Structure formats: structure tokens, C-alpha cells
PDB file of N, CA and C in Angstrom:
ATOM      1  N   MET A   1     166.227  27.086   0.627  1.00  0.00           N
ATOM      2  CA  MET A   1     166.103  28.450   0.658  1.00  0.00           C
ATOM      3  C   MET A   1     164.667  28.647   1.006  1.00  0.00           C
ATOM      4  N   ALA A   2     164.191  29.300   2.028  1.00  0.00           N
ATOM      5  CA  ALA A   2     162.724  29.737   2.531  1.00  0.00           C
ATOM      6  C   ALA A   2     162.316  30.757   1.549  1.00  0.00           C
ATOM      7  N   ILE A   3     161.032  31.020   1.179  1.00  0.00           N
ATOM      8  CA  ILE A   3     160.190  31.663   0.536  1.00  0.00           C
ATOM      9  C   ILE A   3     159.545  32.108   1.392  1.00  0.00           C
ATOM     10  N   TYR A   4     159.292  33.533   1.418  1.00  0.00           N
ATOM     11  CA  TYR A   4     158.600  34.747   2.264  1.00  0.00           C
ATOM     12  C   TYR A   4     157.358  35.193   1.499  1.00  0.00           C
ATOM     13  N   ASN A   5     156.279  35.436   2.437  1.00  0.00           N
ATOM     14  CA  ASN A   5     155.178  36.398   1.657  1.00  0.00           C
ATOM     15  C   ASN A   5     155.525  38.004   2.279  1.00  0.00           C
ATOM     16  N   GLU A   6     154.502  38.545   2.058  1.00  0.00           N
ATOM     17  CA  GLU A   6     155.165  40.205   2.309  1.00  0.00           C
ATOM     18  C   GLU A   6     154.500  40.227   3.689  1.00  0.00           C
ATOM     19  N   ASP A   7     154.188  39.578   4.511  1.00  0.00           N
ATOM     20  CA  ASP A   7     154.275  39.674   6.282  1.00  0.00           C
ATOM     21  C   ASP A   7     155.342  39.048   6.847  1.00  0.00           C
ATOM     22  N   GLY A   8     156.328  38.452   5.994  1.00  0.00           N
ATOM     23  CA  GLY A   8     157.595  37.774   6.451  1.00  0.00           C
ATOM     24  C   GLY A   8     157.455  36.348   6.574  1.00  0.00           C
ATOM     25  N   GLN A   9     156.187  35.490   6.604  1.00  0.00           N
ATOM     26  CA  GLN A   9     155.960  34.503   6.904  1.00  0.00           C
ATOM     27  C   GLN A   9     156.381  33.565   5.771  1.00  0.00           C
ATOM     28  N   ILE A  10     156.805  32.198   6.287  1.00  0.00           N
ATOM     29  CA  ILE A  10     157.598  31.258   5.366  1.00  0.00           C
ATOM     30  C   ILE A  10     156.356  30.757   4.673  1.00  0.00           C
ATOM     31  N   ILE A  11     156.267  30.707   3.399  1.00  0.00           N
ATOM     32  CA  ILE A  11     155.303  30.035   2.564  1.00  0.00           C
ATOM     33  C   ILE A  11     155.483  28.850   1.842  1.00  0.00           C
ATOM     34  N   GLY A  12     156.993  28.828   1.589  1.00  0.00           N
ATOM     35  CA  GLY A  12     157.590  27.701   0.916  1.00  0.00           C
ATOM     36  C   GLY A  12     159.160  27.488   1.130  1.00  0.00           C
ATOM     37  N   TYR A  13     159.569  26.606   0.048  1.00  0.00           N
ATOM     38  CA  TYR A  13     161.061  26.429   0.160  1.00  0.00           C
ATOM     39  C   TYR A  13     161.283  26.208  -1.193  1.00  0.00           C
ATOM     40  N   LYS A  14     162.800  26.525  -1.717  1.00  0.00           N
ATOM     41  CA  LYS A  14     163.194  26.193  -2.821  1.00  0.00           C
ATOM     42  C   LYS A  14     164.460  25.677  -2.760  1.00  0.00           C
ATOM     43  N   THR A  15     164.620  24.370  -3.449  1.00  0.00           N
ATOM     44  CA  THR A  15     165.875  23.935  -3.330  1.00  0.00           C
ATOM     45  C   THR A  15     166.239  23.684  -5.032  1.00  0.00           C
ATOM     46  N   ARG A  16     167.634  24.085  -5.282  1.00  0.00           N
ATOM     47  CA  ARG A  16     168.123  23.682  -6.719  1.00  0.00           C
ATOM     48  C   ARG A  16     169.352  22.731  -7.003  1.00  0.00           C
ATOM     49  N   TYR A  17     168.854  22.077  -7.939  1.00  0.00           N
ATOM     50  CA  TYR A  17     169.822  20.812  -8.050  1.00  0.00           C
ATOM     51  C   TYR A  17     170.437  21.026  -9.559  1.00  0.00           C
ATOM     52  N   VAL A  18     171.850  20.588  -9.864  1.00  0.00           N
ATOM     53  CA  VAL A  18     172.395  20.934 -10.911  1.00  0.00           C
ATOM     54  C   VAL A  18     172.781  19.527 -11.228  1.00  0.00           C
ATOM     55  N   PHE A  19     172.396  19.360 -12.727  1.00  0.00           N
ATOM     56  CA  PHE A  19     172.889  18.134 -13.349  1.00  0.00           C
ATOM     57  C   PHE A  19     174.163  18.016 -13.679  1.00  0.00           C
ATOM     58  N   CYS A  20     174.741  16.644 -13.249  1.00  0.00           N
ATOM     59  CA  CYS A  20     176.305  16.559 -13.376  1.00  0.00           C
ATOM     60  C   CYS A  20     176.413  15.288 -14.026  1.00  0.00           C
ATOM     61  N   CYS A  21     177.045  15.160 -15.353  1.00  0.00           N
ATOM     62  CA  CYS A  21     177.496  13.921 -16.122  1.00  0.00           C
ATOM     63  C   CYS A  21     178.287  13.349 -14.930  1.00  0.00           C
ATOM     64  N   SER A  22     179.115  13.529 -14.376  1.00  0.00           N
ATOM     65  CA  SER A  22     179.816  12.762 -13.334  1.00  0.00           C
ATOM     66  C   SER A  22     180.203  13.398 -12.151  1.00  0.00           C
ATOM     67  N   LYS A  23     181.030  12.750 -11.384  1.00  0.00           N
ATOM     68  CA  LYS A  23     181.156  13.412 -10.118  1.00  0.00           C
ATOM     69  C   LYS A  23     181.584  15.209 -10.287  1.00  0.00           C
ATOM     70  N   ASN A  24     182.411  15.474 -11.058  1.00  0.00           N
ATOM     71  CA  ASN A  24     183.094  16.626 -11.250  1.00  0.00           C
ATOM     72  C   ASN A  24     182.859  17.397 -12.459  1.00  0.00           C
ATOM     73  N   ASP A  25     181.760  16.629 -13.018  1.00  0.00           N
ATOM     74  CA  ASP A  25     181.630  17.288 -14.386  1.00  0.00           C
ATOM     75  C   ASP A  25     180.064  18.154 -14.543  1.00  0.00           C
ATOM     76  N   GLU A  26     180.062  19.343 -13.852  1.00  0.00           N
ATOM     77  CA  GLU A  26     178.821  19.844 -13.873  1.00  0.00           C
ATOM     78  C   GLU A  26     178.314  20.554 -15.304  1.00  0.00           C
ATOM     79  N   THR A  27     176.901  20.405 -15.476  1.00  0.00           N
ATOM     80  CA  THR A  27     176.310  20.982 -16.884  1.00  0.00           C
ATOM     81  C   THR A  27     175.486  21.984 -16.743  1.00  0.00           C
ATOM     82  N   SER A  28     175.055  22.683 -17.693  1.00  0.00           N
ATOM     83  CA  SER A  28     174.283  24.250 -17.463  1.00  0.00           C
ATOM     84  C   SER A  28     172.893  23.583 -17.024  1.00  0.00           C
ATOM     85  N   TRP A  29     172.434  22.596 -16.913  1.00  0.00           N
ATOM     86  CA  TRP A  29     171.118  22.000 -16.687  1.00  0.00           C
ATOM     87  C   TRP A  29     170.881  22.294 -15.409  1.00  0.00           C
ATOM     88  N   ARG A  30     169.793  22.880 -14.620  1.00  0.00           N
ATOM     89  CA  ARG A  30     169.484  23.283 -13.284  1.00  0.00           C
ATOM     90  C   ARG A  30     168.207  23.046 -13.411  1.00  0.00           C
ATOM     91  N   MET A  31     167.628  22.574 -12.105  1.00  0.00           N
ATOM     92  CA  MET A  31     166.207  22.113 -11.631  1.00  0.00           C
ATOM     93  C   MET A  31     166.028  23.036 -10.404  1.00  0.00           C
ATOM     94  N   ASP A  32     165.057  23.814 -10.315  1.00  0.00           N
ATOM     95  CA  ASP A  32     164.493  24.416  -8.797  1.00  0.00           C
ATOM     96  C   ASP A  32     163.069  23.604  -8.623  1.00  0.00           C
ATOM     97  N   GLU A  33     163.418  23.038  -7.124  1.00  0.00           N
ATOM     98  CA  GLU A  33     162.125  22.676  -6.622  1.00  0.00           C
ATOM     99  C   GLU A  33     161.429  23.272  -5.613  1.00  0.00           C
ATOM    100  N   PHE A  34     160.207  23.595  -5.816  1.00  0.00           N
ATOM    101  CA  PHE A  34     159.269  24.437  -5.132  1.00  0.00           C
ATOM    102  C   PHE A  34     158.462  23.345  -4.144  1.00  0.00           C
ATOM    103  N   THR A  35     158.568  23.587  -2.779  1.00  0.00           N
ATOM    104  CA  THR A  35     157.416  22.890  -2.110  1.00  0.00           C
ATOM    105  C   THR A  35     156.778  23.982  -0.901  1.00  0.00           C
ATOM    106  N   VAL A  36     155.681  23.879  -0.898  1.00  0.00           N
ATOM    107  CA  VAL A  36     155.006  24.573   0.089  1.00  0.00           C
ATOM    108  C   VAL A  36     154.944  24.070   1.711  1.00  0.00           C
ATOM    109  N   ASN A  37     155.158  25.150   2.315  1.00  0.00           N
ATOM    110  CA  ASN A  37     154.993  25.244   3.797  1.00  0.00           C
ATOM    111  C   ASN A  37     153.539  24.501   4.380  1.00  0.00           C
ATOM    112  N   PRO A  38     153.626  23.445   4.807  1.00  0.00           N
ATOM    113  CA  PRO A  38     152.391  22.968   5.542  1.00  0.00           C
ATOM    114  C   PRO A  38     151.711  23.557   6.422  1.00  0.00           C
ATOM    115  N   GLU A  39     152.440  24.329   6.992  1.00  0.00           N
ATOM    116  CA  GLU A  39     151.803  25.184   8.217  1.00  0.00           C
ATOM    117  C   GLU A  39     150.793  26.295   7.573  1.00  0.00           C
ATOM    118  N   THR A  40     151.099  26.855   6.283  1.00  0.00           N
ATOM    119  CA  THR A  40     150.416  27.609   5.800  1.00  0.00           C
ATOM    120  C   THR A  40     149.016  27.254   5.043  1.00  0.00           C
ATOM    121  N   ILE A  41     149.032  25.864   4.824  1.00  0.00           N
ATOM    122  CA  ILE A  41     147.911  24.720   4.450  1.00  0.00           C
ATOM    123  C   ILE A  41     146.508  24.782   5.489  1.00  0.00           C
ATOM    124  N   PRO A  42     145.493  24.686   5.182  1.00  0.00           N
ATOM    125  CA  PRO A  42     144.265  23.934   6.046  1.00  0.00           C
ATOM    126  C   PRO A  42     144.654  22.653   6.458  1.00  0.00           C
ATOM    127  N   ALA A  43     144.458  22.279   7.373  1.00  0.00           N
ATOM    128  CA  ALA A  43     144.666  20.886   8.089  1.00  0.00           C
ATOM    129  C   ALA A  43     144.165  19.702   7.250  1.00  0.00           C
ATOM    130  N   ASN A  44     142.914  19.809   6.557  1.00  0.00           N
ATOM    131  CA  ASN A  44     142.411  19.077   5.823  1.00  0.00           C
ATOM    132  C   ASN A  44     143.400  18.840   4.619  1.00  0.00           C
ATOM    133  N   ALA A  45     143.874  19.666   4.089  1.00  0.00           N
ATOM    134  CA  ALA A  45     144.557  19.405   2.701  1.00  0.00           C
ATOM    135  C   ALA A  45     146.027  19.061   3.005  1.00  0.00           C
ATOM    136  N   ARG A  46     146.671  19.177   4.038  1.00  0.00           N
ATOM    137  CA  ARG A  46     147.893  19.091   4.260  1.00  0.00           C
ATOM    138  C   ARG A  46     148.407  17.692   3.947  1.00  0.00           C
ATOM    139  N   ASP A  47     147.817  16.641   3.766  1.00  0.00           N
ATOM    140  CA  ASP A  47     148.284  15.334   3.790  1.00  0.00           C
ATOM    141  C   ASP A  47     148.599  15.492   2.166  1.00  0.00           C
ATOM    142  N   GLN A  48     147.706  16.067   1.291  1.00  0.00           N
ATOM    143  CA  GLN A  48     147.626  16.155  -0.349  1.00  0.00           C
ATOM    144  C   GLN A  48     148.944  16.862  -0.604  1.00  0.00           C
ATOM    145  N   ILE A  49     149.137  18.060   0.116  1.00  0.00           N
ATOM    146  CA  ILE A  49     150.350  19.049  -0.332  1.00  0.00           C
ATOM    147  C   ILE A  49     151.325  18.660  -0.152  1.00  0.00           C
ATOM    148  N   LYS A  50     151.605  17.688   1.126  1.00  0.00           N
ATOM    149  CA  LYS A  50     152.977  17.208   1.409  1.00  0.00           C
ATOM    150  C   LYS A  50     153.489  16.529   0.338  1.00  0.00           C
ATOM    151  N   GLU A  51     152.696  15.761  -0.429  1.00  0.00           N
ATOM    152  CA  GLU A  51     153.008  14.950  -1.358  1.00  0.00           C
ATOM    153  C   GLU A  51     153.495  15.529  -3.016  1.00  0.00           C
ATOM    154  N   THR A  52     153.179  16.942  -2.973  1.00  0.00           N
ATOM    155  CA  THR A  52     152.983  17.962  -4.171  1.00  0.00           C
ATOM    156  C   THR A  52     154.312  18.775  -4.306  1.00  0.00           C
ATOM    157  N   VAL A  53     155.381  18.908  -5.354  1.00  0.00           N
ATOM    158  CA  VAL A  53     156.079  19.729  -5.642  1.00  0.00           C
ATOM    159  C   VAL A  53     155.852  20.433  -7.033  1.00  0.00           C
ATOM    160  N   ALA A  54     156.475  21.144  -6.911  1.00  0.00           N
ATOM    161  CA  ALA A  54     156.664  22.330  -8.682  1.00  0.00           C
ATOM    162  C   ALA A  54     158.260  22.375  -8.879  1.00  0.00           C
ATOM    163  N   CYS A  55     158.302  21.760 -10.374  1.00  0.00           N
ATOM    164  CA  CYS A  55     159.879  21.834 -10.360  1.00  0.00           C
ATOM    165  C   CYS A  55     159.905  22.923 -11.872  1.00  0.00           C
ATOM    166  N   ARG A  56     160.934  23.603 -11.715  1.00  0.00           N
ATOM    167  CA  ARG A  56     161.228  24.442 -13.132  1.00  0.00           C
ATOM    168  C   ARG A  56     162.485  23.775 -13.523  1.00  0.00           C
ATOM    169  N   ILE A  57     162.644  23.378 -14.680  1.00  0.00           N
ATOM    170  CA  ILE A  57     163.761  22.941 -15.200  1.00  0.00           C
ATOM    171  C   ILE A  57     164.325  23.735 -16.723  1.00  0.00           C
ATOM    172  N   ARG A  58     165.512  24.014 -16.310  1.00  0.00           N
ATOM    173  CA  ARG A  58     165.865  25.144 -17.280  1.00  0.00           C
ATOM    174  C   ARG A  58     167.462  25.073 -17.647  1.00  0.00           C
ATOM    175  N   VAL A  59     168.096  26.000 -18.702  1.00  0.00           N
ATOM    176  CA  VAL A  59     169.382  25.967 -18.946  1.00  0.00           C
ATOM    177  C   VAL A  59     169.906  27.268 -18.288  1.00  0.00           C
ATOM    178  N   LYS A  60     170.983  26.991 -17.851  1.00  0.00           N
ATOM    179  CA  LYS A  60     171.425  28.247 -17.193  1.00  0.00           C
ATOM    180  C   LYS A  60     172.418  28.750 -18.500  1.00  0.00           C
ATOM    181  N   GLN A  61     172.171  30.020 -18.494  1.00  0.00           N
ATOM    182  CA  GLN A  61     172.520  30.975 -19.521  1.00  0.00           C
ATOM    183  C   GLN A  61     174.083  31.327 -19.047  1.00  0.00           C
ATOM    184  N   ALA A  62     174.825  31.468 -20.332  1.00  0.00           N
ATOM    185  CA  ALA A  62     176.145  32.015 -19.958  1.00  0.00           C
ATOM    186  C   ALA A  62     176.214  33.350 -19.671  1.00  0.00           C
ATOM    187  N   LYS A  63     177.137  33.914 -18.849  1.00  0.00           N
ATOM    188  CA  LYS A  63     176.992  35.302 -18.544  1.00  0.00           C
ATOM    189  C   LYS A  63     177.554  36.225 -19.656  1.00  0.00           C
ATOM    190  N   THR A  64     177.312  37.116 -20.286  1.00  0.00           N
ATOM    191  CA  THR A  64     177.789  38.005 -21.161  1.00  0.00           C
ATOM    192  C   THR A  64     178.602  38.868 -20.724  1.00  0.00           C
ATOM    193  N   PRO A  65     179.580  39.292 -21.119  1.00  0.00           N
ATOM    194  CA  PRO A  65     180.603  40.409 -20.599  1.00  0.00           C
ATOM    195  C   PRO A  65     180.010  41.822 -20.413  1.00  0.00           C
ATOM    196  N   GLU A  66     180.479  42.379 -19.600  1.00  0.00           N
ATOM    197  CA  GLU A  66     179.704  44.022 -19.645  1.00  0.00           C
ATOM    198  C   GLU A  66     180.083  44.595 -20.895  1.00  0.00           C
ATOM    199  N   ARG A  67     179.429  45.303 -21.152  1.00  0.00           N
ATOM    200  CA  ARG A  67     179.878  46.216 -22.463  1.00  0.00           C
ATOM    201  C   ARG A  67     180.887  47.270 -21.708  1.00  0.00           C
ATOM    202  N   PRO A  68     181.972  47.466 -22.486  1.00  0.00           N
ATOM    203  CA  PRO A  68     183.209  48.256 -21.926  1.00  0.00           C
ATOM    204  C   PRO A  68     182.846  49.455 -22.092  1.00  0.00           C
ATOM    205  N   PHE A  69     183.094  50.612 -21.495  1.00  0.00           N
ATOM    206  CA  PHE A  69     182.924  51.883 -21.360  1.00  0.00           C
ATOM    207  C   PHE A  69     183.675  52.798 -22.519  1.00  0.00           C
ATOM    208  N   PHE A  70     182.858  53.431 -23.560  1.00  0.00           N
ATOM    209  CA  PHE A  70     183.286  54.030 -24.397  1.00  0.00           C
ATOM    210  C   PHE A  70     182.929  55.577 -24.487  1.00  0.00           C
ATOM    211  N   GLU A  71     183.326  56.104 -24.758  1.00  0.00           N
ATOM    212  CA  GLU A  71     183.191  57.790 -24.856  1.00  0.00           C
ATOM    213  C   GLU A  71     182.500  58.020 -26.385  1.00  0.00           C
ATOM    214  N   SER A  72     181.175  58.806 -26.020  1.00  0.00           N
ATOM    215  CA  SER A  72     180.739  59.357 -27.406  1.00  0.00           C
ATOM    216  C   SER A  72     181.430  60.034 -28.310  1.00  0.00           C
ATOM    217  N   GLU A  73     181.380  59.974 -29.520  1.00  0.00           N
ATOM    218  CA  GLU A  73     181.874  60.823 -30.791  1.00  0.00           C
ATOM    219  C   GLU A  73     181.979  62.191 -30.323  1.00  0.00           C
ATOM    220  N   GLU A  74     180.891  62.529 -29.875  1.00  0.00           N
ATOM    221  CA  GLU A  74     180.718  64.185 -29.504  1.00  0.00           C
ATOM    222  C   GLU A  74     181.628  64.616 -28.610  1.00  0.00           C
ATOM    223  N   SER A  75     181.995  63.746 -27.435  1.00  0.00           N
ATOM    224  CA  SER A  75     182.869  64.240 -26.550  1.00  0.00           C
ATOM    225  C   SER A  75     184.363  64.194 -26.924  1.00  0.00           C
ATOM    226  N   GLU A  76     184.582  63.293 -27.872  1.00  0.00           N
ATOM    227  CA  GLU A  76     185.778  63.045 -28.417  1.00  0.00           C
ATOM    228  C   GLU A  76     186.176  64.482 -29.414  1.00  0.00           C
ATOM    229  N   GLU A  77     185.091  64.872 -30.015  1.00  0.00           N
ATOM    230  CA  GLU A  77     185.171  66.083 -30.765  1.00  0.00           C
ATOM    231  C   GLU A  77     185.553  67.421 -30.177  1.00  0.00           C
ATOM    232  N   GLU A  78     184.601  67.415 -28.608  1.00  0.00           N
ATOM    233  CA  GLU A  78     184.748  68.669 -27.945  1.00  0.00           C
ATOM    234  C   GLU A  78     186.075  68.437 -26.937  1.00  0.00           C
ATOM    235  N   ASP A  79     186.883  67.464 -27.034  1.00  0.00           N
ATOM    236  CA  ASP A  79     188.236  67.270 -26.437  1.00  0.00           C
ATOM    237  C   ASP A  79     189.198  68.149 -27.467  1.00  0.00           C
ATOM    238  N   GLU A  80     188.955  67.721 -29.028  1.00  0.00           N
ATOM    239  CA  GLU A  80     189.987  68.123 -29.797  1.00  0.00           C
ATOM    240  C   GLU A  80     189.863  69.646 -30.227  1.00  0.00           C
ATOM    241  N   GLY A  81     188.775  69.898 -29.280  1.00  0.00           N
ATOM    242  CA  GLY A  81     188.838  71.884 -29.399  1.00  0.00           C
ATOM    243  C   GLY A  81     188.731  72.217 -31.012  1.00  0.00           C
ATOM    244  N   SER A  82     188.122  73.256 -31.126  1.00  0.00           N
ATOM    245  CA  SER A  82     188.193  73.903 -32.302  1.00  0.00           C
ATOM    246  C   SER A  82     189.214  75.145 -32.713  1.00  0.00           C
ATOM    247  N   GLU A  83     189.626  75.010 -34.151  1.00  0.00           N
ATOM    248  CA  GLU A  83     190.525  75.643 -34.341  1.00  0.00           C
ATOM    249  C   GLU A  83     190.158  77.164 -34.659  1.00  0.00           C
ATOM    250  N   ILE A  84     191.030  78.238 -34.076  1.00  0.00           N
ATOM    251  CA  ILE A  84     190.639  79.574 -34.142  1.00  0.00           C
ATOM    252  C   ILE A  84     191.127  80.163 -35.540  1.00  0.00           C
ATOM    253  N   GLU A  85     190.747  80.716 -36.145  1.00  0.00           N
ATOM    254  CA  GLU A  85     191.308  81.504 -37.476  1.00  0.00           C
ATOM    255  C   GLU A  85     191.512  82.942 -37.243  1.00  0.00           C
ATOM    256  N   GLU A  86     192.656  83.482 -37.462  1.00  0.00           N
ATOM    257  CA  GLU A  86     192.986  84.717 -37.232  1.00  0.00           C
ATOM    258  C   GLU A  86     193.029  85.636 -38.364  1.00  0.00           C
TER     259      GLU A  86
END
């Protein structure tokens, strides 16, 4: 996946890897690998940057279910109405 700067120029790339214990057994461990677009680097530094990557290793968090919609107690009281005494 390309990474762009505010001018729309590709400045790098991100590749995501998923750790698997076996062929069909995916774990929650992820690694994002970031590389720089060599064209954005001065010519005299390109050889060094081609051999460099940055990685982020993390555990994917389980998604939490969305909070169900509940009416407030005030709105329930309003729906009941008030009794009128004669």
C-alpha cells in the first residue's frame, strides 16, 4: 500500500504481514513493514535507504461490540405521562 504526502507524492510503502502457526491458523500478531520511496531521497543516500525498513509489531485487538441503544430513564418517564388529579 502506498503512503502519500500532502502533495499526493508517494513517499513510501506499507506492507502488512500476519503471523500464522500453520497454513490455515492465523494468529492475532501483525507486522507492518514501512519502506521509503527511493525517488524521494537524494541520490547519494539511495543505496543506504534501499537496505532499510521500519517495522511495527503488534497484537490485533479484538473488536468490541457496539453499545446497544438504550433510552434514558428521563425519556421513559416522559412516555408514561403524569396522572391528573381531579
